[in-house]
Amino acid sequence: MKIDGIIFDIDGTLWDVRDEIALALTREDHNQGHPEINFTSKNLTSVFGIPPKEVADLFMSHLPPKERYKLMEDCGNHQIKLVESLNTDRTYPGVKDTIKKLAQQYPLFIVSNCPSGYVRAFMRRNKLSPWIMDYEEQGRTGLSKGENIKLVMERSRLKSPIYIGDTKGDAESAKKAGISFVWASYGFGHVDNPEYSIDDFRELHRLLEQ
């Protein structure tokens, strides 16, 4: 593959913190007087990768829009604090070593539909900041994932990067950005007939050498 950069999704691609995030979001909702809102690893799996406001629309539709979006923002802040306080490694096998090796050959980036601050928390928690050149978040720009991929490409003058993700939404975002997509089949979602796929993060080396 002839590429000039690699852009990663986070959740379901680089790590799995569904249990921890479900607990954090549920606690925040209950603390704010909404015991009827409950997040679980199972129901979170289907919404990972979609913008926070859309998650609020699905889980908090009984609340007025302004209230539900503020509550979801508070949940996102609580989620970031949880990420920073994790005391166990939740990255998939080989992620850290593979990223460090890939960074010797390619510029690396992250684009995620996450709250503002989540990517930095992820990088700090996993000591990956030195190897990630740039990143973008839906919570910071308010843009779609495809548009955020384009932003990162423009800032670093990338012409032919690849996007690594685990959901159909990731595949569609890469297509909108006009770049190739690699499906992380071990993640949370399913992609029909992907151009490229990996069953283990460490397979990226083999794929890129083709």
N, C-alpha and C. Protein backbone atom coordinates (compact mmCIF):
# COMPACT_ATOMS: atom_id res chain seq x y z
N MET A 1 0.84 -1.20 0.00
CA MET A 1 0.00 0.00 0.00
C MET A 1 0.88 1.25 0.00
N LYS A 2 0.64 2.15 -0.93
CA LYS A 2 1.38 3.39 -0.99
C LYS A 2 0.58 4.47 -0.28
N ILE A 3 1.00 4.80 0.92
CA ILE A 3 0.27 5.77 1.74
C ILE A 3 1.24 6.80 2.30
N ASP A 4 0.68 7.93 2.71
CA ASP A 4 1.53 8.96 3.31
C ASP A 4 1.10 9.31 4.73
N GLY A 5 0.26 8.47 5.32
CA GLY A 5 -0.14 8.68 6.70
C GLY A 5 -1.16 7.65 7.14
N ILE A 6 -1.28 7.46 8.45
CA ILE A 6 -2.26 6.53 9.02
C ILE A 6 -3.08 7.28 10.05
N ILE A 7 -4.42 7.22 9.90
CA ILE A 7 -5.34 7.86 10.83
C ILE A 7 -6.14 6.79 11.55
N PHE A 8 -6.18 6.86 12.86
CA PHE A 8 -6.85 5.84 13.67
C PHE A 8 -8.13 6.36 14.31
N ASP A 9 -9.11 5.49 14.38
CA ASP A 9 -10.23 5.62 15.31
C ASP A 9 -9.69 5.17 16.68
N ILE A 10 -10.44 5.39 17.75
CA ILE A 10 -9.97 4.94 19.07
C ILE A 10 -10.76 3.73 19.58
N ASP A 11 -12.00 3.98 19.98
CA ASP A 11 -12.79 2.94 20.64
C ASP A 11 -13.13 1.80 19.68
N GLY A 12 -12.75 0.59 20.06
CA GLY A 12 -12.98 -0.56 19.21
C GLY A 12 -11.87 -0.79 18.21
N THR A 13 -10.94 0.16 18.11
CA THR A 13 -9.81 0.05 17.19
C THR A 13 -8.49 -0.02 17.94
N LEU A 14 -8.32 0.90 18.91
CA LEU A 14 -7.10 0.92 19.70
C LEU A 14 -7.29 0.35 21.10
N TRP A 15 -8.51 0.46 21.63
CA TRP A 15 -8.76 -0.13 22.95
C TRP A 15 -10.25 -0.40 23.16
N ASP A 16 -10.54 -1.05 24.31
CA ASP A 16 -11.92 -1.39 24.66
C ASP A 16 -12.16 -0.99 26.11
N VAL A 17 -12.91 0.11 26.30
CA VAL A 17 -13.24 0.57 27.66
C VAL A 17 -14.76 0.68 27.82
N ARG A 18 -15.49 -0.21 27.14
CA ARG A 18 -16.95 -0.16 27.21
C ARG A 18 -17.47 -0.30 28.63
N ASP A 19 -16.95 -1.26 29.38
CA ASP A 19 -17.45 -1.48 30.75
C ASP A 19 -17.23 -0.24 31.61
N GLU A 20 -16.03 0.32 31.52
CA GLU A 20 -15.69 1.47 32.35
C GLU A 20 -16.51 2.70 31.96
N ILE A 21 -16.67 2.93 30.67
CA ILE A 21 -17.42 4.11 30.23
C ILE A 21 -18.90 3.96 30.56
N ALA A 22 -19.44 2.77 30.38
CA ALA A 22 -20.85 2.54 30.73
C ALA A 22 -21.10 2.87 32.20
N LEU A 23 -20.19 2.45 33.07
CA LEU A 23 -20.32 2.72 34.50
C LEU A 23 -20.21 4.21 34.79
N ALA A 24 -19.25 4.87 34.13
CA ALA A 24 -19.05 6.30 34.36
C ALA A 24 -20.27 7.12 33.91
N LEU A 25 -20.81 6.80 32.74
CA LEU A 25 -21.96 7.55 32.23
C LEU A 25 -23.20 7.33 33.10
N THR A 26 -23.40 6.08 33.50
CA THR A 26 -24.56 5.77 34.33
C THR A 26 -24.48 6.48 35.68
N ARG A 27 -23.30 6.50 36.28
CA ARG A 27 -23.13 7.18 37.56
C ARG A 27 -23.43 8.66 37.44
N GLU A 28 -22.94 9.28 36.36
CA GLU A 28 -23.18 10.71 36.17
C GLU A 28 -24.66 11.00 36.00
N ASP A 29 -25.34 10.18 35.22
CA ASP A 29 -26.77 10.36 35.02
C ASP A 29 -27.54 10.22 36.34
N HIS A 30 -27.19 9.19 37.12
CA HIS A 30 -27.87 8.95 38.39
C HIS A 30 -27.58 10.07 39.38
N ASN A 31 -26.33 10.55 39.39
CA ASN A 31 -25.95 11.63 40.30
C ASN A 31 -26.72 12.91 39.99
N GLN A 32 -27.12 13.07 38.74
CA GLN A 32 -27.85 14.27 38.34
C GLN A 32 -29.37 14.06 38.39
N GLY A 33 -29.78 12.96 39.03
CA GLY A 33 -31.21 12.75 39.25
C GLY A 33 -31.95 12.05 38.13
N HIS A 34 -31.25 11.21 37.38
CA HIS A 34 -31.89 10.49 36.28
C HIS A 34 -31.61 8.99 36.39
N PRO A 35 -32.20 8.32 37.39
CA PRO A 35 -31.97 6.89 37.58
C PRO A 35 -32.55 6.03 36.46
N GLU A 36 -33.38 6.63 35.62
CA GLU A 36 -33.99 5.87 34.53
C GLU A 36 -33.03 5.68 33.35
N ILE A 37 -31.91 6.40 33.36
CA ILE A 37 -30.93 6.30 32.26
C ILE A 37 -29.82 5.34 32.67
N ASN A 38 -29.67 4.28 31.93
CA ASN A 38 -28.66 3.28 32.26
C ASN A 38 -27.87 2.87 31.01
N PHE A 39 -26.58 3.00 31.10
CA PHE A 39 -25.70 2.56 30.04
C PHE A 39 -25.09 1.23 30.43
N THR A 40 -24.98 0.33 29.46
CA THR A 40 -24.33 -0.96 29.68
C THR A 40 -23.33 -1.18 28.55
N SER A 41 -22.43 -2.12 28.75
CA SER A 41 -21.48 -2.45 27.69
C SER A 41 -22.21 -2.85 26.42
N LYS A 42 -23.33 -3.56 26.58
CA LYS A 42 -24.07 -4.04 25.41
C LYS A 42 -24.73 -2.91 24.65
N ASN A 43 -25.44 -2.03 25.36
CA ASN A 43 -26.13 -0.98 24.61
C ASN A 43 -25.18 0.12 24.14
N LEU A 44 -24.01 0.24 24.75
CA LEU A 44 -23.03 1.21 24.28
C LEU A 44 -22.36 0.74 22.98
N THR A 45 -22.21 -0.58 22.84
CA THR A 45 -21.51 -1.12 21.67
C THR A 45 -22.14 -0.63 20.37
N SER A 46 -23.46 -0.54 20.35
CA SER A 46 -24.15 -0.17 19.12
C SER A 46 -24.04 1.32 18.79
N VAL A 47 -23.60 2.13 19.75
CA VAL A 47 -23.54 3.58 19.50
C VAL A 47 -22.13 4.15 19.54
N PHE A 48 -21.14 3.33 19.84
CA PHE A 48 -19.77 3.83 19.80
C PHE A 48 -19.46 4.30 18.38
N GLY A 49 -18.89 5.49 18.29
CA GLY A 49 -18.54 6.01 16.98
C GLY A 49 -19.51 7.03 16.44
N ILE A 50 -20.68 7.19 17.09
CA ILE A 50 -21.60 8.22 16.63
C ILE A 50 -21.45 9.45 17.53
N PRO A 51 -21.75 10.64 17.04
CA PRO A 51 -21.55 11.87 17.81
C PRO A 51 -22.33 11.85 19.13
N PRO A 52 -21.79 12.51 20.17
CA PRO A 52 -22.43 12.53 21.49
C PRO A 52 -23.88 13.01 21.46
N LYS A 53 -24.19 14.01 20.65
CA LYS A 53 -25.57 14.50 20.62
C LYS A 53 -26.53 13.43 20.12
N GLU A 54 -26.07 12.61 19.19
CA GLU A 54 -26.93 11.53 18.70
C GLU A 54 -27.12 10.46 19.76
N VAL A 55 -26.08 10.24 20.57
CA VAL A 55 -26.21 9.31 21.70
C VAL A 55 -27.25 9.84 22.68
N ALA A 56 -27.19 11.15 22.95
CA ALA A 56 -28.17 11.77 23.85
C ALA A 56 -29.58 11.63 23.31
N ASP A 57 -29.73 11.79 22.00
CA ASP A 57 -31.06 11.67 21.39
C ASP A 57 -31.62 10.25 21.56
N LEU A 58 -30.74 9.26 21.56
CA LEU A 58 -31.18 7.87 21.69
C LEU A 58 -31.49 7.50 23.13
N PHE A 59 -30.65 7.93 24.07
CA PHE A 59 -30.77 7.48 25.45
C PHE A 59 -31.55 8.46 26.34
N MET A 60 -31.69 9.70 25.89
CA MET A 60 -32.29 10.73 26.74
C MET A 60 -33.42 11.47 26.03
N SER A 61 -34.10 10.80 25.12
CA SER A 61 -35.10 11.46 24.28
C SER A 61 -36.28 12.01 25.09
N HIS A 62 -36.45 11.53 26.33
CA HIS A 62 -37.55 12.01 27.16
C HIS A 62 -37.25 13.37 27.79
N LEU A 63 -35.99 13.82 27.65
CA LEU A 63 -35.61 15.12 28.19
C LEU A 63 -35.63 16.18 27.09
N PRO A 64 -35.86 17.44 27.43
CA PRO A 64 -35.79 18.51 26.43
C PRO A 64 -34.40 18.55 25.80
N PRO A 65 -34.29 18.90 24.53
CA PRO A 65 -32.98 18.89 23.85
C PRO A 65 -31.87 19.60 24.61
N LYS A 66 -32.12 20.81 25.09
CA LYS A 66 -31.08 21.56 25.79
C LYS A 66 -30.60 20.81 27.02
N GLU A 67 -31.54 20.22 27.77
CA GLU A 67 -31.19 19.49 28.99
C GLU A 67 -30.42 18.22 28.66
N ARG A 68 -30.88 17.49 27.65
CA ARG A 68 -30.22 16.22 27.32
C ARG A 68 -28.79 16.44 26.80
N TYR A 69 -28.59 17.52 26.02
CA TYR A 69 -27.26 17.78 25.47
C TYR A 69 -26.30 18.24 26.56
N LYS A 70 -26.81 19.02 27.52
CA LYS A 70 -25.97 19.44 28.65
C LYS A 70 -25.61 18.23 29.50
N LEU A 71 -26.57 17.34 29.72
CA LEU A 71 -26.30 16.14 30.50
C LEU A 71 -25.27 15.26 29.80
N MET A 72 -25.39 15.15 28.48
CA MET A 72 -24.43 14.33 27.73
C MET A 72 -23.04 14.96 27.77
N GLU A 73 -22.98 16.28 27.77
CA GLU A 73 -21.69 16.96 27.89
C GLU A 73 -21.05 16.67 29.24
N ASP A 74 -21.86 16.71 30.29
CA ASP A 74 -21.35 16.38 31.63
C ASP A 74 -20.89 14.93 31.68
N CYS A 75 -21.64 14.05 31.02
CA CYS A 75 -21.23 12.64 30.96
C CYS A 75 -19.88 12.50 30.26
N GLY A 76 -19.70 13.27 29.19
CA GLY A 76 -18.43 13.23 28.47
C GLY A 76 -17.26 13.67 29.32
N ASN A 77 -17.47 14.72 30.12
CA ASN A 77 -16.41 15.19 31.02
C ASN A 77 -16.07 14.12 32.05
N HIS A 78 -17.10 13.44 32.55
CA HIS A 78 -16.88 12.38 33.52
C HIS A 78 -16.15 11.21 32.87
N GLN A 79 -16.48 10.95 31.62
CA GLN A 79 -15.83 9.89 30.85
C GLN A 79 -14.33 10.16 30.70
N ILE A 80 -13.97 11.40 30.44
CA ILE A 80 -12.56 11.77 30.29
C ILE A 80 -11.81 11.58 31.61
N LYS A 81 -12.43 11.99 32.71
CA LYS A 81 -11.80 11.79 34.01
C LYS A 81 -11.56 10.31 34.28
N LEU A 82 -12.51 9.49 33.89
CA LEU A 82 -12.35 8.05 34.08
C LEU A 82 -11.17 7.52 33.28
N VAL A 83 -11.05 7.95 32.02
CA VAL A 83 -9.95 7.50 31.17
C VAL A 83 -8.61 7.84 31.81
N GLU A 84 -8.50 9.04 32.34
CA GLU A 84 -7.25 9.48 32.95
C GLU A 84 -6.92 8.72 34.23
N SER A 85 -7.94 8.16 34.88
CA SER A 85 -7.71 7.47 36.17
C SER A 85 -7.60 5.96 36.03
N LEU A 86 -7.72 5.42 34.82
CA LEU A 86 -7.63 3.98 34.64
C LEU A 86 -6.29 3.45 35.16
N ASN A 87 -6.33 2.36 35.90
CA ASN A 87 -5.09 1.79 36.42
C ASN A 87 -4.74 0.47 35.76
N THR A 88 -5.44 0.13 34.67
CA THR A 88 -5.11 -1.07 33.92
C THR A 88 -5.00 -0.71 32.44
N ASP A 89 -4.21 -1.48 31.72
CA ASP A 89 -4.02 -1.24 30.29
C ASP A 89 -5.20 -1.85 29.53
N ARG A 90 -5.96 -1.02 28.85
CA ARG A 90 -7.13 -1.49 28.12
C ARG A 90 -6.92 -1.47 26.60
N THR A 91 -5.69 -1.20 26.16
CA THR A 91 -5.43 -1.23 24.72
C THR A 91 -5.41 -2.68 24.24
N TYR A 92 -5.72 -2.86 22.96
CA TYR A 92 -5.67 -4.20 22.39
C TYR A 92 -4.22 -4.68 22.31
N PRO A 93 -4.01 -6.00 22.26
CA PRO A 93 -2.65 -6.55 22.20
C PRO A 93 -1.82 -5.94 21.07
N GLY A 94 -0.64 -5.49 21.43
CA GLY A 94 0.30 -5.01 20.43
C GLY A 94 0.10 -3.58 19.97
N VAL A 95 -0.93 -2.90 20.46
CA VAL A 95 -1.22 -1.54 19.97
C VAL A 95 -0.05 -0.59 20.23
N LYS A 96 0.43 -0.55 21.43
CA LYS A 96 1.48 0.42 21.77
C LYS A 96 2.77 0.17 21.00
N ASP A 97 3.23 -1.07 20.98
CA ASP A 97 4.47 -1.38 20.26
C ASP A 97 4.31 -1.16 18.76
N THR A 98 3.16 -1.53 18.23
CA THR A 98 2.94 -1.38 16.78
C THR A 98 2.90 0.10 16.40
N ILE A 99 2.24 0.92 17.21
CA ILE A 99 2.20 2.35 16.92
C ILE A 99 3.60 2.95 16.93
N LYS A 100 4.41 2.56 17.89
CA LYS A 100 5.78 3.09 17.96
C LYS A 100 6.60 2.69 16.75
N LYS A 101 6.39 1.47 16.26
CA LYS A 101 7.11 1.01 15.08
C LYS A 101 6.60 1.70 13.82
N LEU A 102 5.29 1.82 13.71
CA LEU A 102 4.71 2.47 12.53
C LEU A 102 5.14 3.93 12.43
N ALA A 103 5.31 4.58 13.59
CA ALA A 103 5.68 6.00 13.61
C ALA A 103 7.07 6.23 13.03
N GLN A 104 7.87 5.18 12.92
CA GLN A 104 9.19 5.31 12.32
C GLN A 104 9.11 5.40 10.79
N GLN A 105 7.95 5.01 10.24
CA GLN A 105 7.78 5.00 8.79
C GLN A 105 6.70 5.95 8.29
N TYR A 106 5.69 6.22 9.13
CA TYR A 106 4.55 7.01 8.70
C TYR A 106 4.16 8.03 9.76
N PRO A 107 3.64 9.19 9.35
CA PRO A 107 3.03 10.09 10.33
C PRO A 107 1.69 9.49 10.78
N LEU A 108 1.41 9.56 12.08
CA LEU A 108 0.22 8.93 12.65
C LEU A 108 -0.72 9.98 13.22
N PHE A 109 -2.03 9.71 13.12
CA PHE A 109 -3.05 10.66 13.53
C PHE A 109 -4.23 9.91 14.16
N ILE A 110 -5.09 10.65 14.86
CA ILE A 110 -6.32 10.09 15.42
C ILE A 110 -7.49 11.01 15.08
N VAL A 111 -8.60 10.43 14.65
CA VAL A 111 -9.84 11.17 14.46
C VAL A 111 -10.96 10.34 15.07
N SER A 112 -11.71 10.94 15.99
CA SER A 112 -12.75 10.21 16.71
C SER A 112 -13.99 11.06 16.94
N ASN A 113 -15.15 10.44 16.93
CA ASN A 113 -16.41 11.11 17.30
C ASN A 113 -16.56 11.08 18.81
N CYS A 114 -15.68 11.76 19.49
CA CYS A 114 -15.65 11.70 20.96
C CYS A 114 -15.75 13.10 21.54
N PRO A 115 -15.96 13.19 22.87
CA PRO A 115 -15.99 14.51 23.52
C PRO A 115 -14.64 15.19 23.42
N SER A 116 -14.65 16.50 23.45
CA SER A 116 -13.40 17.26 23.43
C SER A 116 -12.57 16.92 24.66
N GLY A 117 -11.32 16.56 24.43
CA GLY A 117 -10.42 16.19 25.53
C GLY A 117 -10.17 14.70 25.64
N TYR A 118 -11.02 13.91 24.99
CA TYR A 118 -10.91 12.45 25.11
C TYR A 118 -9.64 11.91 24.46
N VAL A 119 -9.28 12.44 23.29
CA VAL A 119 -8.09 11.94 22.60
C VAL A 119 -6.84 12.22 23.41
N ARG A 120 -6.73 13.44 23.93
CA ARG A 120 -5.56 13.78 24.74
C ARG A 120 -5.50 12.90 26.00
N ALA A 121 -6.65 12.64 26.60
CA ALA A 121 -6.68 11.77 27.78
C ALA A 121 -6.22 10.36 27.41
N PHE A 122 -6.69 9.87 26.27
CA PHE A 122 -6.27 8.56 25.80
C PHE A 122 -4.77 8.50 25.58
N MET A 123 -4.22 9.51 24.93
CA MET A 123 -2.79 9.52 24.64
C MET A 123 -1.95 9.62 25.91
N ARG A 124 -2.39 10.47 26.84
CA ARG A 124 -1.65 10.61 28.10
C ARG A 124 -1.70 9.31 28.89
N ARG A 125 -2.89 8.71 28.99
CA ARG A 125 -3.04 7.49 29.76
C ARG A 125 -2.16 6.38 29.22
N ASN A 126 -2.00 6.31 27.90
CA ASN A 126 -1.25 5.23 27.28
C ASN A 126 0.14 5.63 26.81
N LYS A 127 0.54 6.87 27.17
CA LYS A 127 1.88 7.37 26.85
C LYS A 127 2.18 7.28 25.35
N LEU A 128 1.21 7.71 24.54
CA LEU A 128 1.36 7.64 23.09
C LEU A 128 1.50 9.01 22.43
N SER A 129 1.47 10.07 23.22
CA SER A 129 1.53 11.42 22.66
C SER A 129 2.72 11.66 21.73
N PRO A 130 3.92 11.14 22.04
CA PRO A 130 5.06 11.43 21.17
C PRO A 130 4.93 10.88 19.76
N TRP A 131 4.04 9.91 19.57
CA TRP A 131 3.95 9.25 18.26
C TRP A 131 2.74 9.69 17.44
N ILE A 132 1.88 10.51 18.02
CA ILE A 132 0.69 10.99 17.30
C ILE A 132 0.91 12.45 16.91
N MET A 133 0.96 12.73 15.61
CA MET A 133 1.30 14.07 15.13
C MET A 133 0.14 15.07 15.27
N ASP A 134 -1.08 14.59 15.11
CA ASP A 134 -2.23 15.49 15.15
C ASP A 134 -3.48 14.65 15.41
N TYR A 135 -4.55 15.31 15.81
CA TYR A 135 -5.80 14.59 16.06
C TYR A 135 -6.97 15.55 15.91
N GLU A 136 -8.16 14.99 15.82
CA GLU A 136 -9.36 15.83 15.83
C GLU A 136 -10.51 15.06 16.45
N GLU A 137 -11.44 15.83 17.06
CA GLU A 137 -12.57 15.27 17.79
C GLU A 137 -13.86 15.95 17.37
N GLN A 138 -14.95 15.20 17.31
CA GLN A 138 -16.25 15.77 17.00
C GLN A 138 -16.65 16.79 18.06
N GLY A 139 -16.30 16.50 19.32
CA GLY A 139 -16.65 17.39 20.41
C GLY A 139 -15.94 18.72 20.36
N ARG A 140 -14.83 18.80 19.65
CA ARG A 140 -14.09 20.05 19.54
C ARG A 140 -14.53 20.88 18.33
N THR A 141 -14.79 20.21 17.21
CA THR A 141 -15.12 20.94 15.99
C THR A 141 -16.61 20.99 15.69
N GLY A 142 -17.37 19.99 16.19
CA GLY A 142 -18.78 19.90 15.85
C GLY A 142 -19.02 19.34 14.46
N LEU A 143 -17.94 18.89 13.81
CA LEU A 143 -18.04 18.37 12.45
C LEU A 143 -18.17 16.85 12.45
N SER A 144 -18.57 16.31 11.31
CA SER A 144 -18.66 14.86 11.16
C SER A 144 -17.26 14.25 11.13
N LYS A 145 -17.19 12.95 11.29
CA LYS A 145 -15.89 12.27 11.27
C LYS A 145 -15.22 12.44 9.91
N GLY A 146 -16.00 12.32 8.83
CA GLY A 146 -15.43 12.50 7.51
C GLY A 146 -14.83 13.88 7.33
N GLU A 147 -15.52 14.91 7.82
CA GLU A 147 -15.00 16.28 7.73
C GLU A 147 -13.77 16.47 8.60
N ASN A 148 -13.75 15.82 9.77
CA ASN A 148 -12.58 15.92 10.63
C ASN A 148 -11.36 15.20 10.04
N ILE A 149 -11.61 14.10 9.35
CA ILE A 149 -10.52 13.44 8.64
C ILE A 149 -9.93 14.39 7.60
N LYS A 150 -10.80 15.09 6.88
CA LYS A 150 -10.34 16.04 5.87
C LYS A 150 -9.53 17.17 6.51
N LEU A 151 -9.97 17.63 7.69
CA LEU A 151 -9.24 18.68 8.40
C LEU A 151 -7.81 18.25 8.72
N VAL A 152 -7.67 17.04 9.24
CA VAL A 152 -6.35 16.51 9.58
C VAL A 152 -5.50 16.37 8.32
N MET A 153 -6.13 15.90 7.25
CA MET A 153 -5.40 15.76 5.99
C MET A 153 -4.91 17.10 5.49
N GLU A 154 -5.75 18.13 5.57
CA GLU A 154 -5.38 19.46 5.10
C GLU A 154 -4.24 20.04 5.94
N ARG A 155 -4.33 19.88 7.26
CA ARG A 155 -3.30 20.46 8.13
C ARG A 155 -1.93 19.86 7.90
N SER A 156 -1.91 18.55 7.57
CA SER A 156 -0.62 17.87 7.37
C SER A 156 -0.33 17.59 5.90
N ARG A 157 -1.17 18.15 5.02
CA ARG A 157 -0.98 18.03 3.57
C ARG A 157 -0.87 16.57 3.12
N LEU A 158 -1.77 15.76 3.66
CA LEU A 158 -1.80 14.35 3.29
C LEU A 158 -2.60 14.17 2.00
N LYS A 159 -2.10 13.31 1.13
CA LYS A 159 -2.77 13.04 -0.14
C LYS A 159 -3.41 11.65 -0.17
N SER A 160 -2.76 10.68 0.46
CA SER A 160 -3.27 9.30 0.38
C SER A 160 -3.08 8.55 1.69
N PRO A 161 -3.68 9.04 2.79
CA PRO A 161 -3.59 8.29 4.05
C PRO A 161 -4.62 7.16 4.06
N ILE A 162 -4.59 6.34 5.09
CA ILE A 162 -5.62 5.34 5.30
C ILE A 162 -6.26 5.60 6.66
N TYR A 163 -7.52 5.17 6.79
CA TYR A 163 -8.21 5.29 8.07
C TYR A 163 -8.48 3.90 8.61
N ILE A 164 -8.11 3.68 9.87
CA ILE A 164 -8.30 2.39 10.52
C ILE A 164 -9.46 2.52 11.50
N GLY A 165 -10.53 1.75 11.29
CA GLY A 165 -11.69 1.82 12.18
C GLY A 165 -12.42 0.50 12.24
N ASP A 166 -13.45 0.44 13.07
CA ASP A 166 -14.09 -0.86 13.31
C ASP A 166 -15.59 -0.89 12.99
N THR A 167 -16.16 0.22 12.53
CA THR A 167 -17.59 0.24 12.30
C THR A 167 -17.95 0.68 10.87
N LYS A 168 -19.19 0.45 10.52
CA LYS A 168 -19.70 0.88 9.22
C LYS A 168 -19.59 2.39 9.09
N GLY A 169 -19.85 3.09 10.18
CA GLY A 169 -19.73 4.55 10.17
C GLY A 169 -18.31 5.00 9.86
N ASP A 170 -17.33 4.27 10.38
CA ASP A 170 -15.93 4.58 10.08
C ASP A 170 -15.65 4.41 8.60
N ALA A 171 -16.16 3.31 8.04
CA ALA A 171 -15.96 3.05 6.62
C ALA A 171 -16.59 4.14 5.77
N GLU A 172 -17.79 4.57 6.14
CA GLU A 172 -18.48 5.61 5.39
C GLU A 172 -17.75 6.95 5.51
N SER A 173 -17.18 7.21 6.69
CA SER A 173 -16.44 8.46 6.89
C SER A 173 -15.18 8.50 6.04
N ALA A 174 -14.48 7.39 5.96
CA ALA A 174 -13.29 7.32 5.12
C ALA A 174 -13.66 7.54 3.65
N LYS A 175 -14.77 6.95 3.23
CA LYS A 175 -15.23 7.11 1.85
C LYS A 175 -15.55 8.57 1.56
N LYS A 176 -16.22 9.25 2.51
CA LYS A 176 -16.55 10.67 2.33
C LYS A 176 -15.29 11.53 2.25
N ALA A 177 -14.25 11.09 2.95
CA ALA A 177 -12.99 11.83 2.91
C ALA A 177 -12.14 11.47 1.69
N GLY A 178 -12.57 10.44 0.96
CA GLY A 178 -11.88 10.05 -0.26
C GLY A 178 -10.61 9.26 -0.04
N ILE A 179 -10.57 8.50 1.07
CA ILE A 179 -9.36 7.72 1.36
C ILE A 179 -9.71 6.25 1.61
N SER A 180 -8.69 5.41 1.59
CA SER A 180 -8.88 3.98 1.81
C SER A 180 -9.19 3.70 3.28
N PHE A 181 -9.90 2.60 3.50
CA PHE A 181 -10.32 2.21 4.85
C PHE A 181 -9.84 0.80 5.16
N VAL A 182 -9.39 0.61 6.38
CA VAL A 182 -9.00 -0.72 6.88
C VAL A 182 -9.92 -1.06 8.04
N TRP A 183 -10.66 -2.15 7.91
CA TRP A 183 -11.59 -2.56 8.95
C TRP A 183 -10.89 -3.37 10.03
N ALA A 184 -10.99 -2.91 11.27
CA ALA A 184 -10.49 -3.66 12.43
C ALA A 184 -11.60 -4.62 12.85
N SER A 185 -11.54 -5.85 12.34
CA SER A 185 -12.64 -6.80 12.51
C SER A 185 -12.82 -7.26 13.95
N TYR A 186 -11.83 -7.02 14.81
CA TYR A 186 -11.90 -7.44 16.21
C TYR A 186 -12.68 -6.43 17.06
N GLY A 187 -13.11 -5.32 16.45
CA GLY A 187 -13.74 -4.24 17.20
C GLY A 187 -15.22 -4.43 17.46
N PHE A 188 -15.97 -3.33 17.47
CA PHE A 188 -17.35 -3.33 17.92
C PHE A 188 -18.38 -3.51 16.79
N GLY A 189 -18.00 -3.26 15.56
CA GLY A 189 -18.99 -3.25 14.49
C GLY A 189 -18.69 -4.22 13.37
N HIS A 190 -19.52 -4.14 12.33
CA HIS A 190 -19.34 -5.00 11.15
C HIS A 190 -19.35 -4.13 9.90
N VAL A 191 -18.48 -4.48 8.97
CA VAL A 191 -18.40 -3.77 7.70
C VAL A 191 -18.50 -4.79 6.57
N ASP A 192 -19.45 -4.59 5.68
CA ASP A 192 -19.62 -5.50 4.55
C ASP A 192 -18.58 -5.23 3.47
N ASN A 193 -17.93 -6.29 3.04
CA ASN A 193 -17.00 -6.25 1.91
C ASN A 193 -15.96 -5.13 2.01
N PRO A 194 -15.21 -5.07 3.11
CA PRO A 194 -14.18 -4.03 3.22
C PRO A 194 -13.04 -4.27 2.24
N GLU A 195 -12.46 -3.19 1.77
CA GLU A 195 -11.33 -3.29 0.85
C GLU A 195 -10.14 -3.96 1.52
N TYR A 196 -9.92 -3.58 2.77
CA TYR A 196 -8.84 -4.16 3.57
C TYR A 196 -9.39 -4.48 4.96
N SER A 197 -8.81 -5.47 5.62
CA SER A 197 -9.22 -5.78 6.99
C SER A 197 -8.08 -6.42 7.75
N ILE A 198 -8.13 -6.28 9.07
CA ILE A 198 -7.16 -6.92 9.95
C ILE A 198 -7.93 -7.59 11.09
N ASP A 199 -7.47 -8.75 11.52
CA ASP A 199 -8.08 -9.47 12.63
C ASP A 199 -7.34 -9.22 13.94
N ASP A 200 -6.21 -8.55 13.84
CA ASP A 200 -5.36 -8.25 14.99
C ASP A 200 -4.60 -6.97 14.64
N PHE A 201 -4.49 -6.06 15.58
CA PHE A 201 -3.85 -4.78 15.29
C PHE A 201 -2.43 -4.96 14.76
N ARG A 202 -1.76 -5.98 15.23
CA ARG A 202 -0.37 -6.21 14.82
C ARG A 202 -0.24 -6.60 13.35
N GLU A 203 -1.37 -6.91 12.69
CA GLU A 203 -1.33 -7.27 11.28
C GLU A 203 -1.13 -6.06 10.36
N LEU A 204 -1.18 -4.87 10.93
CA LEU A 204 -1.02 -3.68 10.11
C LEU A 204 0.31 -3.67 9.37
N HIS A 205 1.37 -4.14 10.03
CA HIS A 205 2.68 -4.20 9.39
C HIS A 205 2.61 -5.03 8.11
N ARG A 206 2.02 -6.19 8.21
CA ARG A 206 1.93 -7.09 7.04
C ARG A 206 1.12 -6.44 5.93
N LEU A 207 0.01 -5.84 6.29
CA LEU A 207 -0.87 -5.23 5.31
C LEU A 207 -0.17 -4.10 4.56
N LEU A 208 0.54 -3.27 5.29
CA LEU A 208 1.19 -2.11 4.68
C LEU A 208 2.36 -2.47 3.79
N GLU A 209 2.88 -3.67 3.98
CA GLU A 209 4.00 -4.11 3.15
C GLU A 209 3.56 -4.68 1.82
N GLN A 210 2.26 -4.90 1.65
CA GLN A 210 1.75 -5.48 0.41
C GLN A 210 1.83 -4.49 -0.76
